[in-house]
Amino acid sequence: MTDGTVPTGQEAREAWAAEAYAILVRVAQTYHAVITYKELAEEIQSRTGIRTKTLLHNWIGPVLGRVVREAHRRGDPPLTALVVHTDDGKVGSGYKEVLAVAGEPPVEDELEREHHAAEARLACYRRFGATLPPGGGVPALAPRLQATVERRRQRNERPPQVCGSCFVQLPSTGVCDSCG
C-alpha cells in the first residue's frame, strides 16, 4: 500500500472488490458502456493504493466473484457483465459464476453467453440510471465483439465469386486456377 503497510490477500481482495463494485456502478451509468479487465484492474489498484505484481488472470476472478455475490445479495443485476476482454470484447468463462449465483444453468455456447451478458448489461444500465433511448434501450454485444460479428455476417452474406468460363468458385485472388 502507499502507506507502507502490507495487507493480507483477504484484505486486498475485499478492498479491491468494494472498489470494483463502485467502478462498475459508474460504468453502468453510461448506456452501452463496458470496461476491460485490464482497465478495471488498473483503476482498482490505483484507487485502493493496493498493488500486485501477480498476473491479472490470477487475481481478478476471485475479486469479480465477490462482486457477483454482492450484487446478488443487494438485488442488483450482475455488474460483472460490464467487464470484457480487451482483445475480443467477450465476458469470458468466469461469467459462469453469474449464472450459478442466479441459479441458472450454465451456457456453453459462447455467443449465447454473450447475449445473456448483453441482457444483463441492459439491466445494469436501467438500474443505475444510464440515459436510455426512447423505448428503454436494447441489449448489445460489447463494441469489439459486435464488430467481429458484423464482419463475419458480411463475409457470409456475399455470394462466392465464380469463374465466368468454367463456373468454378474463384480463390481469394480472383483469378481462376483452371482458366488462368
N, C-alpha and C. Protein backbone atom coordinates (compact mmCIF):
# COMPACT_ATOMS: atom_id res chain seq x y z
N MET A 1 0.84 -1.19 0.00
CA MET A 1 0.00 0.00 0.00
C MET A 1 0.88 1.24 0.00
N THR A 2 0.26 2.37 -0.30
CA THR A 2 1.01 3.61 -0.38
C THR A 2 1.55 4.04 0.99
N ASP A 3 0.92 3.60 2.08
CA ASP A 3 1.41 3.97 3.41
C ASP A 3 2.46 3.01 3.94
N GLY A 4 2.85 2.02 3.14
CA GLY A 4 3.90 1.10 3.53
C GLY A 4 3.42 -0.18 4.19
N THR A 5 2.16 -0.24 4.58
CA THR A 5 1.65 -1.47 5.18
C THR A 5 1.37 -2.49 4.09
N VAL A 6 1.39 -3.74 4.48
CA VAL A 6 1.13 -4.83 3.53
C VAL A 6 -0.14 -5.55 3.97
N PRO A 7 -1.22 -5.41 3.20
CA PRO A 7 -2.47 -6.08 3.57
C PRO A 7 -2.37 -7.58 3.30
N THR A 8 -3.16 -8.35 3.98
CA THR A 8 -3.23 -9.77 3.68
C THR A 8 -3.95 -9.93 2.34
N GLY A 9 -3.84 -11.11 1.75
CA GLY A 9 -4.54 -11.38 0.49
C GLY A 9 -6.03 -11.17 0.64
N GLN A 10 -6.56 -11.61 1.75
CA GLN A 10 -8.00 -11.45 2.04
C GLN A 10 -8.39 -9.98 2.09
N GLU A 11 -7.58 -9.18 2.80
CA GLU A 11 -7.87 -7.74 2.91
C GLU A 11 -7.78 -7.07 1.54
N ALA A 12 -6.80 -7.46 0.75
CA ALA A 12 -6.65 -6.87 -0.59
C ALA A 12 -7.87 -7.21 -1.45
N ARG A 13 -8.27 -8.48 -1.46
CA ARG A 13 -9.43 -8.87 -2.28
C ARG A 13 -10.70 -8.16 -1.84
N GLU A 14 -10.88 -7.99 -0.53
CA GLU A 14 -12.06 -7.27 -0.04
C GLU A 14 -12.05 -5.81 -0.49
N ALA A 15 -10.90 -5.17 -0.35
CA ALA A 15 -10.78 -3.77 -0.76
C ALA A 15 -10.98 -3.64 -2.27
N TRP A 16 -10.36 -4.53 -3.04
CA TRP A 16 -10.49 -4.49 -4.49
C TRP A 16 -11.93 -4.72 -4.92
N ALA A 17 -12.61 -5.67 -4.27
CA ALA A 17 -14.00 -5.98 -4.64
C ALA A 17 -14.91 -4.78 -4.36
N ALA A 18 -14.72 -4.13 -3.22
CA ALA A 18 -15.55 -2.96 -2.89
C ALA A 18 -15.33 -1.85 -3.92
N GLU A 19 -14.08 -1.64 -4.29
CA GLU A 19 -13.78 -0.61 -5.28
C GLU A 19 -14.30 -1.00 -6.66
N ALA A 20 -14.18 -2.28 -7.00
CA ALA A 20 -14.68 -2.76 -8.30
C ALA A 20 -16.18 -2.52 -8.39
N TYR A 21 -16.89 -2.77 -7.31
CA TYR A 21 -18.34 -2.55 -7.30
C TYR A 21 -18.65 -1.10 -7.64
N ALA A 22 -17.97 -0.18 -6.96
CA ALA A 22 -18.21 1.25 -7.19
C ALA A 22 -17.86 1.64 -8.63
N ILE A 23 -16.76 1.12 -9.14
CA ILE A 23 -16.34 1.44 -10.51
C ILE A 23 -17.38 0.92 -11.50
N LEU A 24 -17.86 -0.29 -11.29
CA LEU A 24 -18.83 -0.89 -12.22
C LEU A 24 -20.18 -0.18 -12.16
N VAL A 25 -20.57 0.30 -11.01
CA VAL A 25 -21.79 1.10 -10.92
C VAL A 25 -21.63 2.36 -11.77
N ARG A 26 -20.44 2.98 -11.71
CA ARG A 26 -20.19 4.18 -12.53
C ARG A 26 -20.24 3.84 -14.02
N VAL A 27 -19.66 2.71 -14.41
CA VAL A 27 -19.69 2.29 -15.82
C VAL A 27 -21.14 2.07 -16.25
N ALA A 28 -21.95 1.49 -15.37
CA ALA A 28 -23.35 1.19 -15.69
C ALA A 28 -24.19 2.45 -15.87
N GLN A 29 -23.68 3.58 -15.52
CA GLN A 29 -24.43 4.82 -15.66
C GLN A 29 -24.32 5.41 -17.06
N THR A 30 -23.60 4.72 -17.94
CA THR A 30 -23.48 5.15 -19.34
C THR A 30 -23.99 4.03 -20.23
N TYR A 31 -25.02 4.31 -20.99
CA TYR A 31 -25.65 3.32 -21.86
C TYR A 31 -24.64 2.70 -22.82
N HIS A 32 -24.63 1.40 -22.88
CA HIS A 32 -23.76 0.56 -23.72
C HIS A 32 -22.28 0.65 -23.37
N ALA A 33 -21.95 1.19 -22.20
CA ALA A 33 -20.55 1.24 -21.78
C ALA A 33 -20.10 -0.12 -21.26
N VAL A 34 -18.85 -0.42 -21.47
CA VAL A 34 -18.19 -1.59 -20.90
C VAL A 34 -16.80 -1.15 -20.43
N ILE A 35 -16.14 -2.00 -19.68
CA ILE A 35 -14.78 -1.75 -19.22
C ILE A 35 -14.00 -3.05 -19.40
N THR A 36 -12.74 -2.93 -19.78
CA THR A 36 -11.94 -4.15 -19.95
C THR A 36 -11.41 -4.60 -18.59
N TYR A 37 -11.05 -5.87 -18.53
CA TYR A 37 -10.46 -6.41 -17.31
C TYR A 37 -9.22 -5.60 -16.94
N LYS A 38 -8.41 -5.29 -17.93
CA LYS A 38 -7.17 -4.55 -17.70
C LYS A 38 -7.45 -3.15 -17.15
N GLU A 39 -8.41 -2.44 -17.76
CA GLU A 39 -8.76 -1.10 -17.27
C GLU A 39 -9.30 -1.16 -15.84
N LEU A 40 -10.16 -2.14 -15.59
CA LEU A 40 -10.74 -2.29 -14.26
C LEU A 40 -9.64 -2.58 -13.23
N ALA A 41 -8.74 -3.49 -13.56
CA ALA A 41 -7.66 -3.85 -12.63
C ALA A 41 -6.80 -2.65 -12.29
N GLU A 42 -6.46 -1.88 -13.29
CA GLU A 42 -5.62 -0.70 -13.05
C GLU A 42 -6.36 0.31 -12.18
N GLU A 43 -7.62 0.54 -12.47
CA GLU A 43 -8.39 1.52 -11.68
C GLU A 43 -8.58 1.03 -10.24
N ILE A 44 -8.84 -0.25 -10.07
CA ILE A 44 -8.99 -0.82 -8.71
C ILE A 44 -7.71 -0.58 -7.91
N GLN A 45 -6.57 -0.92 -8.48
CA GLN A 45 -5.30 -0.79 -7.77
C GLN A 45 -4.96 0.68 -7.50
N SER A 46 -5.25 1.52 -8.47
CA SER A 46 -4.97 2.94 -8.31
C SER A 46 -5.82 3.54 -7.19
N ARG A 47 -7.09 3.22 -7.17
CA ARG A 47 -8.00 3.80 -6.17
C ARG A 47 -7.74 3.28 -4.76
N THR A 48 -7.39 1.99 -4.64
CA THR A 48 -7.17 1.41 -3.31
C THR A 48 -5.76 1.64 -2.80
N GLY A 49 -4.82 1.89 -3.74
CA GLY A 49 -3.42 2.00 -3.33
C GLY A 49 -2.80 0.65 -3.05
N ILE A 50 -3.54 -0.41 -3.30
CA ILE A 50 -3.03 -1.77 -3.09
C ILE A 50 -2.69 -2.32 -4.47
N ARG A 51 -1.41 -2.56 -4.69
CA ARG A 51 -0.95 -3.05 -5.99
C ARG A 51 -0.44 -4.48 -5.85
N THR A 52 -0.47 -5.18 -6.98
CA THR A 52 0.07 -6.54 -7.01
C THR A 52 0.85 -6.73 -8.30
N LYS A 53 1.86 -7.58 -8.21
CA LYS A 53 2.63 -7.95 -9.40
C LYS A 53 2.11 -9.27 -9.96
N THR A 54 1.14 -9.84 -9.30
CA THR A 54 0.52 -11.09 -9.75
C THR A 54 -0.17 -10.84 -11.08
N LEU A 55 -0.07 -11.80 -11.99
CA LEU A 55 -0.74 -11.66 -13.28
C LEU A 55 -2.23 -11.45 -13.09
N LEU A 56 -2.79 -10.59 -13.91
CA LEU A 56 -4.19 -10.21 -13.83
C LEU A 56 -5.12 -11.42 -13.74
N HIS A 57 -4.94 -12.38 -14.62
CA HIS A 57 -5.87 -13.52 -14.65
C HIS A 57 -5.78 -14.39 -13.39
N ASN A 58 -4.76 -14.17 -12.56
CA ASN A 58 -4.63 -14.95 -11.33
C ASN A 58 -5.33 -14.31 -10.13
N TRP A 59 -5.74 -13.04 -10.24
CA TRP A 59 -6.38 -12.42 -9.09
C TRP A 59 -7.73 -11.75 -9.39
N ILE A 60 -7.99 -11.40 -10.62
CA ILE A 60 -9.23 -10.66 -10.91
C ILE A 60 -10.48 -11.53 -10.75
N GLY A 61 -10.38 -12.82 -11.06
CA GLY A 61 -11.53 -13.72 -10.95
C GLY A 61 -12.13 -13.76 -9.56
N PRO A 62 -11.33 -14.04 -8.52
CA PRO A 62 -11.89 -14.04 -7.16
C PRO A 62 -12.47 -12.69 -6.74
N VAL A 63 -11.86 -11.61 -7.21
CA VAL A 63 -12.39 -10.27 -6.89
C VAL A 63 -13.75 -10.09 -7.54
N LEU A 64 -13.87 -10.44 -8.82
CA LEU A 64 -15.16 -10.30 -9.50
C LEU A 64 -16.19 -11.29 -8.97
N GLY A 65 -15.73 -12.44 -8.48
CA GLY A 65 -16.65 -13.38 -7.84
C GLY A 65 -17.33 -12.74 -6.63
N ARG A 66 -16.56 -11.97 -5.87
CA ARG A 66 -17.14 -11.25 -4.72
C ARG A 66 -18.16 -10.22 -5.20
N VAL A 67 -17.85 -9.55 -6.31
CA VAL A 67 -18.78 -8.56 -6.87
C VAL A 67 -20.08 -9.25 -7.30
N VAL A 68 -19.96 -10.41 -7.93
CA VAL A 68 -21.15 -11.17 -8.36
C VAL A 68 -22.03 -11.48 -7.16
N ARG A 69 -21.42 -12.01 -6.11
CA ARG A 69 -22.20 -12.39 -4.92
C ARG A 69 -22.81 -11.18 -4.21
N GLU A 70 -22.05 -10.08 -4.17
CA GLU A 70 -22.57 -8.87 -3.52
C GLU A 70 -23.73 -8.28 -4.32
N ALA A 71 -23.62 -8.25 -5.63
CA ALA A 71 -24.71 -7.75 -6.46
C ALA A 71 -25.96 -8.60 -6.25
N HIS A 72 -25.78 -9.90 -6.20
CA HIS A 72 -26.92 -10.80 -5.98
C HIS A 72 -27.54 -10.54 -4.60
N ARG A 73 -26.69 -10.38 -3.58
CA ARG A 73 -27.18 -10.11 -2.22
C ARG A 73 -27.98 -8.82 -2.17
N ARG A 74 -27.54 -7.80 -2.91
CA ARG A 74 -28.23 -6.50 -2.91
C ARG A 74 -29.45 -6.47 -3.82
N GLY A 75 -29.59 -7.48 -4.65
CA GLY A 75 -30.69 -7.47 -5.61
C GLY A 75 -30.37 -6.67 -6.86
N ASP A 76 -29.09 -6.38 -7.08
CA ASP A 76 -28.66 -5.65 -8.27
C ASP A 76 -28.41 -6.63 -9.41
N PRO A 77 -28.49 -6.16 -10.63
CA PRO A 77 -28.13 -7.02 -11.77
C PRO A 77 -26.63 -7.31 -11.72
N PRO A 78 -26.18 -8.31 -12.45
CA PRO A 78 -24.77 -8.71 -12.39
C PRO A 78 -23.85 -7.70 -13.07
N LEU A 79 -23.25 -6.85 -12.27
CA LEU A 79 -22.36 -5.81 -12.77
C LEU A 79 -21.16 -6.35 -13.53
N THR A 80 -20.76 -7.57 -13.23
CA THR A 80 -19.58 -8.12 -13.91
C THR A 80 -19.83 -8.36 -15.39
N ALA A 81 -21.08 -8.29 -15.83
CA ALA A 81 -21.38 -8.39 -17.27
C ALA A 81 -20.79 -7.21 -18.03
N LEU A 82 -20.43 -6.15 -17.33
CA LEU A 82 -19.85 -4.96 -17.94
C LEU A 82 -18.36 -5.11 -18.22
N VAL A 83 -17.75 -6.18 -17.72
CA VAL A 83 -16.30 -6.37 -17.84
C VAL A 83 -16.02 -7.33 -18.98
N VAL A 84 -15.20 -6.87 -19.95
CA VAL A 84 -14.92 -7.68 -21.14
C VAL A 84 -13.41 -7.74 -21.41
N HIS A 85 -13.03 -8.74 -22.18
CA HIS A 85 -11.64 -8.87 -22.60
C HIS A 85 -11.29 -7.80 -23.62
N THR A 86 -10.08 -7.31 -23.55
CA THR A 86 -9.60 -6.28 -24.47
C THR A 86 -9.58 -6.77 -25.91
N ASP A 87 -9.09 -7.99 -26.11
CA ASP A 87 -8.86 -8.47 -27.46
C ASP A 87 -10.12 -8.84 -28.23
N ASP A 88 -11.13 -9.38 -27.56
CA ASP A 88 -12.31 -9.84 -28.31
C ASP A 88 -13.65 -9.26 -27.83
N GLY A 89 -13.66 -8.54 -26.72
CA GLY A 89 -14.90 -7.94 -26.24
C GLY A 89 -15.86 -8.91 -25.59
N LYS A 90 -15.37 -10.08 -25.19
CA LYS A 90 -16.23 -11.09 -24.56
C LYS A 90 -16.10 -11.05 -23.05
N VAL A 91 -17.16 -11.50 -22.37
CA VAL A 91 -17.13 -11.54 -20.91
C VAL A 91 -16.22 -12.64 -20.39
N GLY A 92 -16.07 -13.70 -21.12
CA GLY A 92 -15.17 -14.76 -20.69
C GLY A 92 -15.85 -15.85 -19.90
N SER A 93 -15.09 -16.88 -19.63
CA SER A 93 -15.64 -18.08 -18.99
C SER A 93 -16.04 -17.85 -17.53
N GLY A 94 -15.46 -16.84 -16.88
CA GLY A 94 -15.83 -16.54 -15.50
C GLY A 94 -17.28 -16.09 -15.35
N TYR A 95 -17.92 -15.79 -16.45
CA TYR A 95 -19.33 -15.36 -16.41
C TYR A 95 -20.22 -16.48 -15.89
N LYS A 96 -19.71 -17.71 -15.91
CA LYS A 96 -20.50 -18.84 -15.41
C LYS A 96 -20.88 -18.65 -13.95
N GLU A 97 -20.08 -17.88 -13.19
CA GLU A 97 -20.41 -17.63 -11.80
C GLU A 97 -21.67 -16.78 -11.68
N VAL A 98 -21.88 -15.85 -12.60
CA VAL A 98 -23.10 -15.05 -12.60
C VAL A 98 -24.31 -15.98 -12.72
N LEU A 99 -24.22 -16.92 -13.64
CA LEU A 99 -25.32 -17.86 -13.85
C LEU A 99 -25.52 -18.75 -12.63
N ALA A 100 -24.43 -19.25 -12.08
CA ALA A 100 -24.53 -20.15 -10.92
C ALA A 100 -25.16 -19.45 -9.72
N VAL A 101 -24.71 -18.23 -9.44
CA VAL A 101 -25.25 -17.48 -8.30
C VAL A 101 -26.73 -17.18 -8.49
N ALA A 102 -27.13 -16.96 -9.73
CA ALA A 102 -28.54 -16.67 -10.03
C ALA A 102 -29.38 -17.95 -10.09
N GLY A 103 -28.73 -19.11 -9.98
CA GLY A 103 -29.45 -20.37 -10.04
C GLY A 103 -29.84 -20.78 -11.44
N GLU A 104 -29.14 -20.23 -12.42
CA GLU A 104 -29.42 -20.56 -13.82
C GLU A 104 -28.44 -21.62 -14.31
N PRO A 105 -28.87 -22.41 -15.30
CA PRO A 105 -27.95 -23.43 -15.83
C PRO A 105 -26.80 -22.78 -16.60
N PRO A 106 -25.67 -23.47 -16.68
CA PRO A 106 -24.55 -22.91 -17.44
C PRO A 106 -24.89 -22.77 -18.92
N VAL A 107 -24.26 -21.81 -19.57
CA VAL A 107 -24.45 -21.59 -21.00
C VAL A 107 -23.13 -21.93 -21.68
N GLU A 108 -23.12 -23.02 -22.41
CA GLU A 108 -21.88 -23.48 -23.04
C GLU A 108 -21.57 -22.74 -24.34
N ASP A 109 -22.61 -22.38 -25.10
CA ASP A 109 -22.40 -21.69 -26.37
C ASP A 109 -21.89 -20.28 -26.10
N GLU A 110 -20.73 -19.94 -26.66
CA GLU A 110 -20.10 -18.65 -26.40
C GLU A 110 -20.97 -17.46 -26.79
N LEU A 111 -21.56 -17.50 -27.97
CA LEU A 111 -22.37 -16.38 -28.42
C LEU A 111 -23.66 -16.26 -27.59
N GLU A 112 -24.21 -17.38 -27.21
CA GLU A 112 -25.40 -17.36 -26.34
C GLU A 112 -25.05 -16.73 -24.99
N ARG A 113 -23.86 -17.07 -24.46
CA ARG A 113 -23.40 -16.47 -23.20
C ARG A 113 -23.26 -14.96 -23.36
N GLU A 114 -22.72 -14.52 -24.50
CA GLU A 114 -22.54 -13.09 -24.73
C GLU A 114 -23.88 -12.36 -24.84
N HIS A 115 -24.86 -13.01 -25.42
CA HIS A 115 -26.20 -12.39 -25.50
C HIS A 115 -26.83 -12.32 -24.10
N HIS A 116 -26.59 -13.33 -23.27
CA HIS A 116 -27.07 -13.28 -21.89
C HIS A 116 -26.43 -12.10 -21.18
N ALA A 117 -25.11 -11.93 -21.37
CA ALA A 117 -24.40 -10.82 -20.75
C ALA A 117 -24.93 -9.48 -21.26
N ALA A 118 -25.29 -9.41 -22.54
CA ALA A 118 -25.84 -8.17 -23.10
C ALA A 118 -27.16 -7.80 -22.41
N GLU A 119 -27.98 -8.80 -22.16
CA GLU A 119 -29.24 -8.57 -21.42
C GLU A 119 -28.94 -8.08 -20.00
N ALA A 120 -27.94 -8.69 -19.37
CA ALA A 120 -27.55 -8.30 -18.01
C ALA A 120 -27.02 -6.87 -17.99
N ARG A 121 -26.24 -6.50 -19.02
CA ARG A 121 -25.74 -5.12 -19.09
C ARG A 121 -26.89 -4.13 -19.20
N LEU A 122 -27.88 -4.46 -20.03
CA LEU A 122 -29.03 -3.57 -20.16
C LEU A 122 -29.73 -3.39 -18.82
N ALA A 123 -29.86 -4.47 -18.07
CA ALA A 123 -30.45 -4.39 -16.73
C ALA A 123 -29.62 -3.48 -15.83
N CYS A 124 -28.30 -3.54 -15.96
CA CYS A 124 -27.41 -2.66 -15.19
C CYS A 124 -27.63 -1.20 -15.56
N TYR A 125 -27.70 -0.92 -16.86
CA TYR A 125 -27.90 0.46 -17.31
C TYR A 125 -29.22 1.01 -16.76
N ARG A 126 -30.25 0.18 -16.81
CA ARG A 126 -31.56 0.61 -16.32
C ARG A 126 -31.52 0.84 -14.81
N ARG A 127 -30.87 -0.07 -14.07
CA ARG A 127 -30.84 0.00 -12.62
C ARG A 127 -30.06 1.21 -12.10
N PHE A 128 -28.97 1.52 -12.77
CA PHE A 128 -28.07 2.54 -12.23
C PHE A 128 -28.17 3.89 -12.93
N GLY A 129 -29.26 4.11 -13.67
CA GLY A 129 -29.59 5.44 -14.14
C GLY A 129 -28.93 5.94 -15.41
N ALA A 130 -28.53 5.04 -16.28
CA ALA A 130 -28.00 5.49 -17.57
C ALA A 130 -29.11 6.19 -18.34
N THR A 131 -28.75 7.17 -19.14
CA THR A 131 -29.72 7.82 -20.01
C THR A 131 -30.00 6.87 -21.16
N LEU A 132 -31.21 6.37 -21.23
CA LEU A 132 -31.58 5.39 -22.24
C LEU A 132 -32.34 6.04 -23.39
N PRO A 133 -32.24 5.46 -24.57
CA PRO A 133 -33.01 5.99 -25.70
C PRO A 133 -34.49 5.71 -25.52
N PRO A 134 -35.34 6.37 -26.30
CA PRO A 134 -36.78 6.09 -26.22
C PRO A 134 -37.02 4.59 -26.38
N GLY A 135 -37.94 4.08 -25.60
CA GLY A 135 -38.25 2.65 -25.64
C GLY A 135 -37.45 1.85 -24.63
N GLY A 136 -36.53 2.49 -23.93
CA GLY A 136 -35.82 1.81 -22.85
C GLY A 136 -34.51 1.16 -23.23
N GLY A 137 -34.09 1.26 -24.47
CA GLY A 137 -32.81 0.70 -24.87
C GLY A 137 -32.90 -0.76 -25.28
N VAL A 138 -31.81 -1.23 -25.82
CA VAL A 138 -31.74 -2.62 -26.28
C VAL A 138 -30.45 -3.25 -25.78
N PRO A 139 -30.46 -4.56 -25.58
CA PRO A 139 -29.21 -5.23 -25.22
C PRO A 139 -28.25 -5.19 -26.39
N ALA A 140 -26.97 -5.08 -26.10
CA ALA A 140 -25.98 -5.03 -27.17
C ALA A 140 -24.71 -5.76 -26.75
N LEU A 141 -24.12 -6.41 -27.72
CA LEU A 141 -22.81 -7.02 -27.50
C LEU A 141 -21.80 -5.89 -27.29
N ALA A 142 -20.69 -6.20 -26.66
CA ALA A 142 -19.63 -5.21 -26.50
C ALA A 142 -19.18 -4.75 -27.88
N PRO A 143 -18.79 -3.49 -28.04
CA PRO A 143 -18.47 -2.96 -29.36
C PRO A 143 -17.47 -3.80 -30.17
N ARG A 144 -16.40 -4.26 -29.55
CA ARG A 144 -15.40 -5.05 -30.29
C ARG A 144 -15.99 -6.36 -30.78
N LEU A 145 -16.77 -7.02 -29.94
CA LEU A 145 -17.40 -8.28 -30.34
C LEU A 145 -18.45 -8.03 -31.42
N GLN A 146 -19.22 -6.96 -31.29
CA GLN A 146 -20.24 -6.64 -32.29
C GLN A 146 -19.59 -6.42 -33.66
N ALA A 147 -18.47 -5.74 -33.68
CA ALA A 147 -17.75 -5.50 -34.94
C ALA A 147 -17.31 -6.83 -35.57
N THR A 148 -16.84 -7.75 -34.75
CA THR A 148 -16.43 -9.06 -35.25
C THR A 148 -17.62 -9.82 -35.82
N VAL A 149 -18.73 -9.80 -35.11
CA VAL A 149 -19.94 -10.48 -35.57
C VAL A 149 -20.41 -9.89 -36.90
N GLU A 150 -20.37 -8.56 -37.02
CA GLU A 150 -20.79 -7.91 -38.26
C GLU A 150 -19.89 -8.28 -39.44
N ARG A 151 -18.58 -8.31 -39.19
CA ARG A 151 -17.64 -8.70 -40.25
C ARG A 151 -17.93 -10.12 -40.73
N ARG A 152 -18.17 -11.02 -39.79
CA ARG A 152 -18.48 -12.42 -40.17
C ARG A 152 -19.79 -12.49 -40.95
N ARG A 153 -20.76 -11.72 -40.51
CA ARG A 153 -22.06 -11.72 -41.18
C ARG A 153 -21.92 -11.22 -42.62
N GLN A 154 -21.19 -10.14 -42.80
CA GLN A 154 -20.98 -9.60 -44.15
C GLN A 154 -20.23 -10.57 -45.03
N ARG A 155 -19.24 -11.22 -44.47
CA ARG A 155 -18.45 -12.18 -45.24
C ARG A 155 -19.33 -13.36 -45.67
N ASN A 156 -20.23 -13.79 -44.80
CA ASN A 156 -21.11 -14.92 -45.10
C ASN A 156 -22.25 -14.54 -46.04
N GLU A 157 -22.61 -13.26 -46.07
CA GLU A 157 -23.72 -12.82 -46.93
C GLU A 157 -23.30 -12.64 -48.38
N ARG A 158 -22.01 -12.40 -48.63
CA ARG A 158 -21.54 -12.21 -50.00
C ARG A 158 -21.47 -13.55 -50.71
N PRO A 159 -22.11 -13.66 -51.87
CA PRO A 159 -22.01 -14.92 -52.61
C PRO A 159 -20.58 -15.09 -53.13
N PRO A 160 -20.12 -16.32 -53.20
CA PRO A 160 -18.76 -16.53 -53.70
C PRO A 160 -18.65 -16.13 -55.16
N GLN A 161 -17.48 -15.64 -55.57
CA GLN A 161 -17.23 -15.30 -56.96
C GLN A 161 -17.01 -16.59 -57.74
N VAL A 162 -17.54 -16.61 -58.96
CA VAL A 162 -17.45 -17.80 -59.81
C VAL A 162 -16.81 -17.41 -61.13
N CYS A 163 -15.96 -18.28 -61.63
CA CYS A 163 -15.32 -18.06 -62.93
C CYS A 163 -16.39 -18.06 -64.01
N GLY A 164 -16.33 -17.08 -64.89
CA GLY A 164 -17.30 -16.96 -65.97
C GLY A 164 -17.12 -18.01 -67.05
N SER A 165 -15.98 -18.65 -67.12
CA SER A 165 -15.72 -19.66 -68.16
C SER A 165 -16.06 -21.07 -67.69
N CYS A 166 -15.51 -21.46 -66.54
CA CYS A 166 -15.70 -22.85 -66.10
C CYS A 166 -16.67 -22.98 -64.92
N PHE A 167 -17.15 -21.85 -64.39
CA PHE A 167 -18.15 -21.81 -63.33
C PHE A 167 -17.68 -22.48 -62.02
N VAL A 168 -16.39 -22.42 -61.77
CA VAL A 168 -15.80 -22.91 -60.52
C VAL A 168 -15.62 -21.69 -59.61
N GLN A 169 -15.81 -21.91 -58.29
CA GLN A 169 -15.62 -20.82 -57.35
C GLN A 169 -14.18 -20.33 -57.42
N LEU A 170 -14.03 -19.01 -57.47
CA LEU A 170 -12.70 -18.41 -57.58
C LEU A 170 -12.01 -18.37 -56.23
N PRO A 171 -10.68 -18.52 -56.22
CA PRO A 171 -9.94 -18.35 -54.99
C PRO A 171 -9.92 -16.88 -54.58
N SER A 172 -9.36 -16.59 -53.42
CA SER A 172 -9.35 -15.21 -52.94
C SER A 172 -8.60 -14.26 -53.87
N THR A 173 -7.72 -14.76 -54.71
CA THR A 173 -7.01 -13.90 -55.67
C THR A 173 -7.92 -13.35 -56.75
N GLY A 174 -9.06 -14.03 -56.97
CA GLY A 174 -9.98 -13.62 -58.02
C GLY A 174 -9.61 -14.14 -59.39
N VAL A 175 -8.54 -14.92 -59.46
CA VAL A 175 -8.08 -15.48 -60.73
C VAL A 175 -8.32 -16.99 -60.71
N CYS A 176 -9.00 -17.48 -61.74
CA CYS A 176 -9.33 -18.89 -61.80
C CYS A 176 -8.07 -19.74 -61.96
N ASP A 177 -7.93 -20.75 -61.09
CA ASP A 177 -6.79 -21.66 -61.17
C ASP A 177 -6.83 -22.52 -62.42
N SER A 178 -8.04 -22.78 -62.92
CA SER A 178 -8.18 -23.65 -64.09
C SER A 178 -8.00 -22.88 -65.39
N CYS A 179 -8.60 -21.70 -65.48
CA CYS A 179 -8.59 -20.94 -66.73
C CYS A 179 -7.43 -19.94 -66.81
N GLY A 180 -6.90 -19.59 -65.64
CA GLY A 180 -5.77 -18.65 -65.60
C GLY A 180 -6.24 -17.29 -65.86
